Structure formats: C-alpha cells, structure tokens
Protein backbone atom coordinates (compact mmCIF):
# COMPACT_ATOMS: atom_id res chain seq x y z
CA MET A 1 -77.07 -42.38 7.37
CA GLN A 2 -78.46 -39.46 8.14
CA ARG A 3 -74.93 -37.11 7.96
CA ASP A 4 -74.95 -38.98 4.07
CA LYS A 5 -78.46 -37.04 3.05
CA GLN A 6 -76.87 -33.70 4.53
CA LYS A 7 -73.52 -34.01 2.82
CA ASP A 8 -75.73 -34.44 0.07
CA PHE A 9 -78.31 -31.84 0.12
CA GLU A 10 -75.38 -29.66 0.91
CA ASP A 11 -73.15 -30.78 -2.18
CA ALA A 12 -77.09 -29.92 -4.34
CA VAL A 13 -76.86 -27.00 -3.18
CA SER A 14 -75.12 -23.48 -5.35
CA ILE A 15 -74.20 -20.74 -3.25
CA SER A 16 -73.22 -17.50 -5.26
CA SER A 17 -71.68 -14.36 -4.05
CA GLU A 18 -72.61 -11.47 -6.28
CA ARG A 19 -71.30 -7.62 -6.32
CA ASN A 20 -74.14 -5.02 -7.07
CA ALA A 21 -72.97 -1.65 -9.13
CA ASP A 22 -72.89 -0.16 -5.73
CA GLY A 23 -71.34 -2.61 -4.34
CA ARG A 24 -73.65 -3.96 -2.03
CA GLU A 25 -73.20 -8.28 -2.38
CA TRP A 26 -75.98 -10.34 -2.33
CA VAL A 27 -75.96 -13.99 -2.00
CA SER A 28 -78.12 -16.34 -4.12
CA LYS A 29 -78.88 -20.18 -3.79
CA SER A 30 -80.51 -22.85 -5.83
CA TYR A 31 -81.44 -25.59 -5.44
CA ILE A 32 -79.65 -28.54 -8.02
CA GLU A 33 -82.50 -31.22 -8.82
CA GLY A 34 -82.30 -33.77 -11.60
CA ASP A 35 -80.53 -36.99 -11.75
CA SER A 36 -77.90 -38.63 -10.73
CA GLN A 37 -75.46 -37.41 -13.54
CA THR A 38 -76.63 -33.57 -13.15
CA LYS A 39 -76.36 -33.60 -9.57
CA ALA A 40 -72.64 -34.80 -10.55
CA THR A 41 -72.33 -32.18 -12.17
CA ALA A 42 -73.18 -29.14 -10.47
CA LYS A 43 -71.00 -30.40 -8.01
CA TRP A 44 -67.66 -30.84 -10.32
CA GLN A 45 -68.20 -26.65 -11.26
CA LYS A 46 -69.07 -26.24 -8.20
CA LYS A 47 -65.68 -27.65 -6.74
CA LYS A 48 -63.60 -25.76 -9.93
CA GLY A 49 -65.76 -22.83 -8.93
CA LEU A 50 -67.79 -22.07 -12.35
CA ILE A 51 -70.80 -19.91 -12.52
CA SER A 52 -73.17 -19.02 -14.32
CA LYS A 53 -73.59 -14.97 -15.94
CA SER A 54 -76.05 -13.21 -17.94
CA TYR A 55 -75.28 -10.84 -19.86
CA LYS A 56 -77.94 -8.43 -22.31
CA LEU A 57 -76.95 -7.95 -25.39
CA PRO A 58 -77.87 -7.30 -29.25
CA ARG A 59 -78.87 -9.75 -31.53
CA ASP A 60 -76.93 -9.79 -34.13
CA ILE A 61 -73.98 -9.28 -32.30
CA VAL A 62 -74.82 -12.40 -29.98
CA ASP A 63 -75.74 -15.03 -34.04
CA ALA A 64 -72.26 -13.24 -35.07
CA PHE A 65 -70.38 -14.16 -32.71
CA ALA A 66 -71.92 -17.97 -32.06
CA GLU A 67 -71.21 -18.17 -36.09
CA ALA A 68 -68.22 -17.03 -36.01
CA CYS A 69 -66.84 -19.08 -32.54
CA GLU A 70 -68.60 -22.58 -34.60
CA SER A 71 -67.15 -21.56 -37.65
CA ASN A 72 -63.43 -21.50 -36.14
CA ASP A 73 -64.46 -24.65 -34.07
CA ILE A 74 -64.12 -23.29 -30.56
CA SER A 75 -67.07 -22.62 -27.99
CA GLN A 76 -68.22 -19.80 -27.15
CA ALA A 77 -66.99 -19.51 -23.27
CA ALA A 78 -63.44 -20.55 -24.28
CA GLN A 79 -63.48 -17.26 -26.57
CA LEU A 80 -65.45 -15.07 -24.20
CA THR A 81 -62.34 -16.71 -21.36
CA LYS A 82 -59.63 -15.58 -23.39
CA TYR A 83 -61.32 -12.42 -24.68
CA MET A 84 -61.55 -11.68 -20.70
CA ARG A 85 -58.89 -13.06 -19.70
CA GLY A 86 -56.73 -10.52 -22.08
CA TYR A 87 -58.21 -7.12 -21.11
CA ILE A 88 -57.66 -8.06 -17.03
CA LYS A 89 -53.96 -8.40 -18.24
CA ARG A 90 -53.92 -5.76 -20.55
CA SER A 91 -55.95 -3.46 -17.11
CA GLY A 92 -51.98 -5.14 -15.17
CA ILE A 93 -54.18 -6.63 -12.77
CA GLU A 94 -53.24 -10.35 -11.97
CA ILE A 95 -55.46 -13.14 -12.09
C-alpha cells in the first residue's frame, strides 16, 4: 500500500528543466492538486512531454492572433506549434 501512495505522489509531481539565456539550467517542481481528472490530465501531459510556456507579448498581437485562430477554427496551440516547426525546419534543425 505504501508503494502505491509513493507512485501516486511521483505521478502527481511535474518536473521541468529549462535553460536561462546565459545557459544555466534550473529545475522547477510543481505539485498537482485537484480531483482525479486533473491528476490524470497532468500525468498524460507529463507522459507526452508537454510543458507550459509563458511569453510576454503585446496585447494587440495576442488578441488579433486569438481572433484569427478562432475565425479559422484552429487552436492557438496548434497554430503556434505549426509556426515553430516551420521555423525550426527553416533554421536547418531536425526534430
């Protein structure tokens, strides 16, 4: 029983590793709280390697982008991923 609780705890911890602009690495831990669906979603995202990023952008650009995505019936995440993959490819980097 104790091992199951430990495994549940490990599954509920989200750990991300990032690099600062100067190349130094930092690690962030966050503990998932909430109902079983929230925990299941967090576990799935961790398994798929999904992370959350935050950027500071001008509001008019963000609002216009949201409106354009909505009018074209595409999620903002899907469109950003498409742009990122194209930029990476044009930069000669393989993913």
